[in-house]
Amino acid sequence: MEAALAGGIPPMELWLHFDLRDARAHRFLQALPGLPPVARAALDERAEIAHLDTDGTAIWGTLPDFHHEALEAPDPLQMGVLHMPMAPRLLVTARRHPLRAPQLAGEEAVSAETAAQQWDILLRAILEGIGRASAALSQRMNGIEDRLLQDRDVARFKLARTRRDTLLPPTLVTGIFGMNATDPSPSSFSTSSTPSARADAARAANTSH
């Protein structure tokens, strides 16, 4: 692996996924070539605010994702952070808690021919989770509405959680696609998967309203 990365841009398409609870992963990532220092730093940042940044040669940031235990029923109470940088031919992801999207994306890895395509699969898995969580929230809100229309009591804690969860999906999608460019020059880095993923993001956000 070190030999493949020694020249900066790897000779083949790679997706590397790391467990940040392993000290060996930290040492490897700190010395990882082919990425700007700020992109490597994103792999270990403690902030849990979703963001993406680019300098025209790489993309890096943190994305929200559901815990892998919530594979079939994503729950906003069970969420973690996926750290990532991506450069030509190289996608690196890392997490502190097992997450849903990398597990699902790993099952589809054979269909990804490039790092950018693997990134697209990861984004779609995250957005599919947001869509599922939004659908469950819509069903819960319908139940609350039915009770109110029947003049039946609704537990206060259910209203508080529903209000919080209602605000979550649009916030997640905005964080994912509110990319900050640190270099205004034209990018030589192709992210051809972004338009389709943005369309999926809009649909996921709209299901929460």
Protein backbone atom coordinates (compact mmCIF):
# COMPACT_ATOMS: atom_id res chain seq x y z
CA MET A 1 0.00 0.00 0.00
CA GLU A 2 2.79 2.43 0.92
CA ALA A 3 4.47 1.73 -2.43
CA ALA A 4 1.28 2.43 -4.36
CA LEU A 5 0.91 5.80 -2.63
CA ALA A 6 4.56 6.81 -2.58
CA GLY A 7 4.33 8.82 -5.79
CA GLY A 8 1.41 10.96 -4.61
CA ILE A 9 -1.25 10.00 -7.18
CA PRO A 10 -1.74 6.22 -6.95
CA PRO A 11 -1.37 4.16 -10.15
CA MET A 12 -4.84 2.64 -9.61
CA GLU A 13 -8.18 3.77 -8.17
CA LEU A 14 -8.27 3.32 -4.38
CA TRP A 15 -10.80 3.59 -1.57
CA LEU A 16 -9.22 3.31 1.88
CA HIS A 17 -11.43 3.15 4.98
CA PHE A 18 -10.04 3.45 8.53
CA ASP A 19 -11.12 2.98 12.13
CA LEU A 20 -9.90 6.06 14.00
CA ARG A 21 -9.96 4.18 17.28
CA ASP A 22 -6.87 2.31 16.06
CA ALA A 23 -3.62 4.17 16.81
CA ARG A 24 -1.99 2.57 13.77
CA ALA A 25 -4.57 4.25 11.53
CA HIS A 26 -3.62 7.68 12.90
CA ARG A 27 0.07 7.09 12.17
CA PHE A 28 -0.65 5.91 8.64
CA LEU A 29 -3.01 8.79 7.86
CA GLN A 30 -0.64 11.45 9.19
CA ALA A 31 1.99 10.30 6.69
CA LEU A 32 -0.40 9.68 3.79
CA PRO A 33 0.99 11.22 0.58
CA GLY A 34 -1.09 12.58 -2.27
CA LEU A 35 -3.24 14.85 -0.08
CA PRO A 36 -2.86 18.50 0.99
CA PRO A 37 -2.01 18.81 4.72
CA VAL A 38 -5.41 20.40 5.43
CA ALA A 39 -7.13 17.41 3.80
CA ARG A 40 -5.17 14.98 5.97
CA ALA A 41 -6.10 17.05 9.03
CA ALA A 42 -9.81 16.61 8.18
CA LEU A 43 -9.42 12.90 8.84
CA ASP A 44 -8.86 13.57 12.51
CA GLU A 45 -10.83 16.72 13.26
CA ARG A 46 -13.09 16.66 16.29
CA ALA A 47 -15.76 19.06 15.06
CA GLU A 48 -19.00 17.26 14.22
CA ILE A 49 -20.32 19.90 11.85
CA ALA A 50 -20.90 18.68 8.30
CA HIS A 51 -18.82 20.55 5.74
CA LEU A 52 -16.95 20.07 2.48
CA ASP A 53 -13.99 22.15 1.31
CA THR A 54 -11.85 22.11 -1.80
CA ASP A 55 -8.70 23.75 -3.11
CA GLY A 56 -9.19 22.62 -6.71
CA THR A 57 -6.97 19.56 -6.35
CA ALA A 58 -8.76 17.70 -3.54
CA ILE A 59 -12.00 17.66 -1.57
CA TRP A 60 -12.13 17.09 2.18
CA GLY A 61 -14.51 17.43 5.07
CA THR A 62 -16.91 15.61 7.37
CA LEU A 63 -20.30 14.12 6.59
CA PRO A 64 -23.07 13.00 8.94
CA ASP A 65 -24.05 9.36 8.81
CA PHE A 66 -26.19 6.93 10.78
CA HIS A 67 -24.69 4.24 12.98
CA HIS A 68 -24.48 0.91 11.20
CA GLU A 69 -26.70 -0.67 13.86
CA ALA A 70 -29.56 1.36 12.33
CA LEU A 71 -29.09 -0.26 8.92
CA GLU A 72 -32.77 -0.71 8.09
CA ALA A 73 -34.25 2.06 10.25
CA PRO A 74 -31.88 5.08 10.40
CA ASP A 75 -32.44 7.01 13.61
CA PRO A 76 -31.33 10.66 14.10
CA LEU A 77 -30.48 9.71 17.70
CA GLN A 78 -27.86 7.28 16.37
CA MET A 79 -25.54 9.32 14.22
CA GLY A 80 -21.82 9.73 13.78
CA VAL A 81 -19.37 11.52 11.51
CA LEU A 82 -17.64 10.23 8.39
CA HIS A 83 -14.32 11.96 7.71
CA MET A 84 -13.12 12.10 4.13
CA PRO A 85 -10.64 13.57 1.68
CA MET A 86 -10.66 12.71 -2.01
CA ALA A 87 -7.96 13.38 -4.57
CA PRO A 88 -7.43 12.02 -8.09
CA ARG A 89 -7.70 8.20 -7.92
CA LEU A 90 -7.85 8.25 -4.13
CA LEU A 91 -10.77 8.30 -1.70
CA VAL A 92 -10.04 8.01 2.02
CA THR A 93 -12.73 7.69 4.66
CA ALA A 94 -12.48 7.26 8.42
CA ARG A 95 -14.83 6.97 11.39
CA ARG A 96 -14.83 6.47 15.15
CA HIS A 97 -18.06 4.46 15.26
CA PRO A 98 -19.12 1.92 12.61
CA LEU A 99 -21.34 3.78 10.15
CA ARG A 100 -24.13 2.78 7.83
CA ALA A 101 -23.01 4.28 4.49
CA PRO A 102 -19.52 2.71 4.33
CA GLN A 103 -21.02 -0.68 5.12
CA LEU A 104 -23.58 -0.36 2.33
CA ALA A 105 -21.06 1.18 -0.07
CA GLY A 106 -18.61 -1.63 0.64
CA GLU A 107 -21.20 -4.12 -0.52
CA GLU A 108 -21.40 -2.25 -3.85
CA ALA A 109 -17.67 -1.62 -4.21
CA VAL A 110 -17.39 -4.01 -7.15
CA SER A 111 -19.56 -1.65 -9.21
CA ALA A 112 -17.30 1.37 -8.62
CA GLU A 113 -14.51 1.74 -11.15
CA THR A 114 -13.14 5.04 -9.84
CA ALA A 115 -12.72 6.82 -6.53
CA ALA A 116 -15.27 9.41 -7.71
CA GLN A 117 -17.82 6.67 -8.39
CA GLN A 118 -17.19 5.22 -4.94
CA TRP A 119 -17.78 8.70 -3.50
CA ASP A 120 -21.07 8.84 -5.39
CA ILE A 121 -22.12 5.48 -3.88
CA LEU A 122 -21.23 6.71 -0.39
CA LEU A 123 -23.23 9.92 -0.82
CA ARG A 124 -26.21 8.03 -2.15
CA ALA A 125 -26.11 5.68 0.85
CA ILE A 126 -26.09 8.66 3.23
CA LEU A 127 -28.95 10.35 1.37
CA GLU A 128 -30.92 7.10 1.25
CA GLY A 129 -30.57 6.94 5.04
CA ILE A 130 -31.80 10.52 5.36
CA GLY A 131 -34.73 9.64 3.10
CA ARG A 132 -35.65 6.65 5.27
CA ALA A 133 -35.39 8.71 8.45
CA SER A 134 -37.56 11.41 6.85
CA ALA A 135 -40.20 8.87 5.82
CA ALA A 136 -40.33 7.49 9.38
CA LEU A 137 -40.62 11.04 10.69
CA SER A 138 -43.50 11.77 8.29
CA GLN A 139 -45.32 8.69 9.53
CA ARG A 140 -44.80 9.75 13.14
CA MET A 141 -46.11 13.26 12.39
CA ASN A 142 -49.20 11.78 10.75
CA GLY A 143 -49.84 9.79 13.90
CA ILE A 144 -49.52 12.93 16.04
CA GLU A 145 -51.86 14.83 13.72
CA ASP A 146 -54.44 12.05 13.92
CA ARG A 147 -54.36 12.15 17.71
CA LEU A 148 -54.75 15.93 17.78
CA LEU A 149 -57.66 15.81 15.34
CA GLN A 150 -59.33 13.27 17.64
CA ASP A 151 -58.74 15.51 20.67
CA ARG A 152 -56.41 12.94 22.19
CA ASP A 153 -53.35 13.84 24.22
CA VAL A 154 -49.85 13.71 22.72
CA ALA A 155 -46.91 13.15 25.03
CA ARG A 156 -44.76 16.26 25.37
CA PHE A 157 -41.53 14.35 24.76
CA LYS A 158 -42.88 13.04 21.44
CA LEU A 159 -43.59 16.59 20.30
CA ALA A 160 -40.11 17.75 21.35
CA ARG A 161 -38.34 14.91 19.55
CA THR A 162 -40.48 15.31 16.44
CA ARG A 163 -39.69 19.00 16.29
CA ARG A 164 -35.97 18.32 16.56
CA ASP A 165 -35.99 15.53 14.01
CA THR A 166 -37.98 17.69 11.57
CA LEU A 167 -35.16 20.22 11.49
CA LEU A 168 -32.46 17.59 10.94
CA PRO A 169 -32.68 16.40 7.28
CA PRO A 170 -32.44 19.87 5.62
CA THR A 171 -29.52 20.70 7.94
CA LEU A 172 -27.67 17.53 6.93
CA VAL A 173 -28.17 18.08 3.22
CA THR A 174 -27.09 21.72 3.45
CA GLY A 175 -23.94 20.66 5.28
CA ILE A 176 -23.09 18.07 2.66
CA PHE A 177 -23.47 20.36 -0.35
CA GLY A 178 -22.45 23.72 1.07
CA MET A 179 -18.94 23.33 -0.32
CA ASN A 180 -16.33 25.99 0.42
CA ALA A 181 -13.67 26.67 -2.19
CA THR A 182 -10.34 27.76 -0.76
CA ASP A 183 -8.89 28.28 -4.26
CA PRO A 184 -11.03 30.19 -6.80
CA SER A 185 -9.03 28.90 -9.75
CA PRO A 186 -10.68 26.37 -12.11
CA SER A 187 -10.52 22.89 -10.67
CA SER A 188 -8.57 20.16 -12.40
CA PHE A 189 -10.27 17.66 -10.10
CA SER A 190 -13.32 15.97 -11.60
CA THR A 191 -16.38 15.28 -9.46
CA SER A 192 -18.77 14.18 -12.16
CA SER A 193 -20.97 12.41 -9.61
CA THR A 194 -22.00 15.62 -7.87
CA PRO A 195 -25.03 16.69 -10.00
CA SER A 196 -26.91 13.41 -9.58
CA ALA A 197 -26.12 13.29 -5.90
CA ARG A 198 -27.38 16.85 -5.53
CA ALA A 199 -30.68 15.85 -7.12
CA ASP A 200 -30.98 12.99 -4.65
CA ALA A 201 -30.19 15.40 -1.83
CA ALA A 202 -33.01 17.72 -2.85
CA ARG A 203 -35.46 14.83 -2.90
CA ALA A 204 -34.28 13.64 0.53
CA ALA A 205 -34.71 17.12 2.01
CA ASN A 206 -38.13 17.60 0.49
CA THR A 207 -39.50 14.41 2.06
CA SER A 208 -39.12 16.00 5.50
CA HIS A 209 -41.65 18.80 4.77
